[in-house]
C-alpha atoms as a PDB file:
ATOM      1  CA  MET A   1       0.375   0.059  -0.056  1.00  0.00           C
ATOM      2  CA  ASP A   2       1.663   3.794  -1.390  1.00  0.00           C
ATOM      3  CA  SER A   3       1.513   6.708   0.527  1.00  0.00           C
ATOM      4  CA  SER A   4      -1.632   8.270  -0.471  1.00  0.00           C
ATOM      5  CA  ALA A   5      -3.596   5.616   0.355  1.00  0.00           C
ATOM      6  CA  ALA A   6      -2.860   5.204   3.978  1.00  0.00           C
ATOM      7  CA  ILE A   7      -3.771   8.492   4.154  1.00  0.00           C
ATOM      8  CA  ILE A   8      -7.073   8.238   2.531  1.00  0.00           C
ATOM      9  CA  TYR A   9      -7.453   5.061   5.232  1.00  0.00           C
ATOM     10  CA  PHE A  10      -6.355   7.186   8.055  1.00  0.00           C
ATOM     11  CA  PHE A  11      -8.944  10.130   7.298  1.00  0.00           C
ATOM     12  CA  ALA A  12     -11.920   8.251   6.346  1.00  0.00           C
ATOM     13  CA  GLY A  13     -11.065   6.250   9.642  1.00  0.00           C
ATOM     14  CA  ILE A  14     -11.310   9.487  11.362  1.00  0.00           C
ATOM     15  CA  PHE A  15     -14.413  10.623   9.808  1.00  0.00           C
ATOM     16  CA  VAL A  16     -15.946   7.173  10.151  1.00  0.00           C
ATOM     17  CA  ILE A  17     -15.408   7.845  14.206  1.00  0.00           C
ATOM     18  CA  ALA A  18     -16.461  11.335  14.506  1.00  0.00           C
ATOM     19  CA  GLY A  19     -19.892  10.466  13.302  1.00  0.00           C
ATOM     20  CA  LEU A  20     -19.873   7.819  15.648  1.00  0.00           C
ATOM     21  CA  ILE A  21     -19.662  10.066  18.339  1.00  0.00           C
ATOM     22  CA  PHE A  22     -22.117  12.577  17.532  1.00  0.00           C
ATOM     23  CA  ALA A  23     -24.079  10.069  16.685  1.00  0.00           C
ATOM     24  CA  LEU A  24     -23.892   8.603  20.436  1.00  0.00           C
ATOM     25  CA  MET A  25     -23.289  12.516  21.796  1.00  0.00           C
ATOM     26  CA  ALA A  26     -27.009  12.730  19.994  1.00  0.00           C
ATOM     27  CA  PHE A  27     -28.925   9.252  21.189  1.00  0.00           C
ATOM     28  CA  THR A  28     -27.712   9.577  24.948  1.00  0.00           C
ATOM     29  CA  ARG A  29     -28.715  13.715  25.437  1.00  0.00           C
ATOM     30  CA  LYS A  30     -31.023  14.506  27.937  1.00  0.00           C
ATOM     31  CA  ALA A  31     -34.094  15.823  26.319  1.00  0.00           C
ATOM     32  CA  PRO A  32     -35.816  18.552  28.671  1.00  0.00           C
ATOM     33  CA  LYS A  33     -38.286  16.953  31.183  1.00  0.00           C
ATOM     34  CA  ARG A  34     -41.944  17.740  30.135  1.00  0.00           C
ATOM     35  CA  LEU A  35     -43.593  19.162  33.159  1.00  0.00           C
ATOM     36  CA  ASN A  36     -46.831  18.393  35.063  1.00  0.00           C
ATOM     37  CA  GLN A  37     -49.253  21.201  32.968  1.00  0.00           C
ATOM     38  CA  ASP A  38     -52.131  20.080  35.272  1.00  0.00           C
ATOM     39  CA  LEU A  39     -50.202  20.485  38.257  1.00  0.00           C
ATOM     40  CA  TYR A  40     -48.710  23.961  37.415  1.00  0.00           C
ATOM     41  CA  ARG A  41     -51.880  25.106  35.878  1.00  0.00           C
ATOM     42  CA  SER A  42     -53.933  24.794  39.466  1.00  0.00           C
ATOM     43  CA  ARG A  43     -51.223  26.810  41.096  1.00  0.00           C
ATOM     44  CA  TRP A  44     -51.044  28.741  38.690  1.00  0.00           C
ATOM     45  CA  LEU A  45     -55.083  29.486  39.337  1.00  0.00           C
ATOM     46  CA  ALA A  46     -54.132  29.675  42.881  1.00  0.00           C
ATOM     47  CA  ILE A  47     -51.449  32.875  42.928  1.00  0.00           C
ATOM     48  CA  GLU A  48     -53.683  34.521  40.410  1.00  0.00           C
ATOM     49  CA  ASN A  49     -57.112  34.002  42.900  1.00  0.00           C
ATOM     50  CA  GLN A  50     -54.769  35.321  45.651  1.00  0.00           C
ATOM     51  CA  LEU A  51     -54.198  38.910  43.803  1.00  0.00           C
ATOM     52  CA  LYS A  52     -57.026  40.943  44.997  1.00  0.00           C
ATOM     53  CA  ARG A  53     -57.442  44.822  44.172  1.00  0.00           C
ATOM     54  CA  ASP A  54     -58.899  45.759  47.827  1.00  0.00           C
ATOM     55  CA  GLU A  55     -56.381  44.177  49.452  1.00  0.00           C
ATOM     56  CA  PRO A  56     -52.847  45.583  49.110  1.00  0.00           C
ATOM     57  CA  SER A  57     -50.907  42.867  51.760  1.00  0.00           C
ATOM     58  CA  SER A  58     -51.993  40.622  48.784  1.00  0.00           C
ATOM     59  CA  TYR A  59     -49.839  42.588  46.155  1.00  0.00           C
ATOM     60  CA  GLN A  60     -46.519  41.580  47.326  1.00  0.00           C
ATOM     61  CA  LEU A  61     -47.340  37.505  48.448  1.00  0.00           C
ATOM     62  CA  THR A  62     -48.704  36.936  44.783  1.00  0.00           C
ATOM     63  CA  VAL A  63     -45.538  38.035  43.498  1.00  0.00           C
ATOM     64  CA  ILE A  64     -43.682  36.586  45.250  1.00  0.00           C
ATOM     65  CA  ASN A  65     -45.565  33.063  44.408  1.00  0.00           C
ATOM     66  CA  ALA A  66     -45.392  33.854  40.858  1.00  0.00           C
ATOM     67  CA  ASP A  67     -41.441  34.590  41.865  1.00  0.00           C
ATOM     68  CA  LYS A  68     -41.094  30.654  43.199  1.00  0.00           C
ATOM     69  CA  LEU A  69     -43.446  29.242  40.874  1.00  0.00           C
ATOM     70  CA  VAL A  70     -40.972  29.739  37.468  1.00  0.00           C
ATOM     71  CA  ASP A  71     -38.227  29.153  39.372  1.00  0.00           C
ATOM     72  CA  GLN A  72     -39.640  25.466  40.402  1.00  0.00           C
ATOM     73  CA  ALA A  73     -40.458  25.426  36.856  1.00  0.00           C
ATOM     74  CA  MET A  74     -37.017  26.295  35.226  1.00  0.00           C
ATOM     75  CA  ARG A  75     -35.035  23.911  38.321  1.00  0.00           C
ATOM     76  CA  GLU A  76     -37.217  20.796  37.049  1.00  0.00           C
ATOM     77  CA  ARG A  77     -36.966  21.561  33.605  1.00  0.00           C
ATOM     78  CA  GLY A  78     -33.157  21.448  34.190  1.00  0.00           C
ATOM     79  CA  VAL A  79     -32.047  24.826  34.078  1.00  0.00           C
ATOM     80  CA  ASN A  80     -28.712  25.382  35.626  1.00  0.00           C
ATOM     81  CA  GLY A  81     -27.713  27.642  37.590  1.00  0.00           C
ATOM     82  CA  GLN A  82     -28.022  28.301  41.634  1.00  0.00           C
ATOM     83  CA  THR A  83     -30.021  30.978  41.787  1.00  0.00           C
ATOM     84  CA  MET A  84     -33.460  32.343  40.130  1.00  0.00           C
ATOM     85  CA  GLY A  85     -31.181  35.210  38.016  1.00  0.00           C
ATOM     86  CA  GLU A  86     -28.524  32.687  36.986  1.00  0.00           C
ATOM     87  CA  ARG A  87     -30.775  30.116  35.800  1.00  0.00           C
ATOM     88  CA  LEU A  88     -32.181  33.370  33.813  1.00  0.00           C
ATOM     89  CA  LYS A  89     -29.035  34.076  32.217  1.00  0.00           C
ATOM     90  CA  ASN A  90     -28.512  30.765  31.261  1.00  0.00           C
ATOM     91  CA  SER A  91     -31.362  30.347  29.343  1.00  0.00           C
ATOM     92  CA  PRO A  92     -32.163  33.869  27.873  1.00  0.00           C
ATOM     93  CA  LYS A  93     -33.722  31.954  24.258  1.00  0.00           C
ATOM     94  CA  LEU A  94     -35.998  29.908  26.369  1.00  0.00           C
ATOM     95  CA  PHE A  95     -38.109  33.424  26.989  1.00  0.00           C
ATOM     96  CA  SER A  96     -39.914  35.151  24.632  1.00  0.00           C
ATOM     97  CA  HIS A  97     -40.356  38.748  26.819  1.00  0.00           C
ATOM     98  CA  LEU A  98     -37.074  37.854  28.799  1.00  0.00           C
ATOM     99  CA  GLN A  99     -36.873  41.315  30.060  1.00  0.00           C
ATOM    100  CA  GLN A 100     -40.377  41.930  31.137  1.00  0.00           C
ATOM    101  CA  LEU A 101     -39.749  38.292  33.929  1.00  0.00           C
ATOM    102  CA  TRP A 102     -36.249  40.036  34.658  1.00  0.00           C
ATOM    103  CA  SER A 103     -37.926  42.987  35.748  1.00  0.00           C
ATOM    104  CA  ALA A 104     -40.987  41.003  37.650  1.00  0.00           C
ATOM    105  CA  HIS A 105     -37.990  38.830  39.157  1.00  0.00           C
ATOM    106  CA  LYS A 106     -35.945  41.425  40.366  1.00  0.00           C
ATOM    107  CA  LEU A 107     -39.426  43.234  41.786  1.00  0.00           C
ATOM    108  CA  ARG A 108     -39.807  40.203  43.525  1.00  0.00           C
ATOM    109  CA  ASN A 109     -36.300  41.076  45.005  1.00  0.00           C
ATOM    110  CA  GLN A 110     -36.971  43.980  46.259  1.00  0.00           C
ATOM    111  CA  ILE A 111     -39.959  43.007  47.727  1.00  0.00           C
ATOM    112  CA  ALA A 112     -37.681  40.431  50.204  1.00  0.00           C
ATOM    113  CA  HIS A 113     -34.942  42.623  50.472  1.00  0.00           C
ATOM    114  CA  GLU A 114     -36.684  46.156  51.241  1.00  0.00           C
ATOM    115  CA  THR A 115     -38.414  47.678  53.817  1.00  0.00           C
ATOM    116  CA  ASN A 116     -40.365  50.008  52.500  1.00  0.00           C
ATOM    117  CA  ILE A 117     -41.203  48.494  48.881  1.00  0.00           C
ATOM    118  CA  GLU A 118     -45.152  50.395  47.767  1.00  0.00           C
ATOM    119  CA  LEU A 119     -46.332  47.709  45.620  1.00  0.00           C
ATOM    120  CA  THR A 120     -49.056  49.137  43.129  1.00  0.00           C
ATOM    121  CA  TYR A 121     -52.061  46.957  42.038  1.00  0.00           C
ATOM    122  CA  ASP A 122     -51.249  47.112  38.617  1.00  0.00           C
ATOM    123  CA  ASP A 123     -47.571  46.519  39.434  1.00  0.00           C
ATOM    124  CA  ALA A 124     -48.695  43.057  41.036  1.00  0.00           C
ATOM    125  CA  ARG A 125     -50.530  42.541  37.554  1.00  0.00           C
ATOM    126  CA  ARG A 126     -47.622  43.208  35.456  1.00  0.00           C
ATOM    127  CA  ALA A 127     -45.343  41.118  37.163  1.00  0.00           C
ATOM    128  CA  LEU A 128     -47.623  38.155  36.986  1.00  0.00           C
ATOM    129  CA  ALA A 129     -48.612  38.559  32.782  1.00  0.00           C
ATOM    130  CA  ALA A 130     -44.817  37.754  33.074  1.00  0.00           C
ATOM    131  CA  PHE A 131     -44.151  35.137  35.077  1.00  0.00           C
ATOM    132  CA  LYS A 132     -47.520  33.673  33.526  1.00  0.00           C
ATOM    133  CA  GLN A 133     -45.526  33.771  29.523  1.00  0.00           C
ATOM    134  CA  ALA A 134     -42.576  32.259  31.373  1.00  0.00           C
ATOM    135  CA  LEU A 135     -44.450  29.625  32.247  1.00  0.00           C
ATOM    136  CA  LYS A 136     -45.810  29.574  29.498  1.00  0.00           C
ATOM    137  CA  ASP A 137     -43.019  29.380  27.719  1.00  0.00           C
ATOM    138  CA  ILE A 138     -41.349  26.981  29.651  1.00  0.00           C
ATOM    139  CA  GLY A 139     -44.281  24.450  29.129  1.00  0.00           C
ATOM    140  CA  ALA A 140     -45.453  24.313  32.416  1.00  0.00           C
ATOM    141  CA  ILE A 141     -48.641  25.747  31.509  1.00  0.00           C
END
């Protein structure tokens, strides 16, 4: 066998091995976990029903609970990160309205970490709309 035939066989072998590795990786890659939509829908409806226009104390609670639900769905779907903020940074293409979701999450952080936050009914509704869209995007509802 001459040297040109050996080179052709060498590269053909590498090509076959690379194809096998690629195929193996494609078949062993984990698909995102399907979420229990009935469970998430019922939890979401409970959160929406907590928000009462004439009860300002409900505004903060619904934002916090909605944020928790989205975070739970992200973790369950396998989005990487130690915090929700990290998970949001690691999944920008997962959400159709990422900036609104970030704003809603930042509002949740203000509620959790600041003492005198004034939250309006409309603020809470906007945050809930962002969280609801996120749950739709991720396949939870």
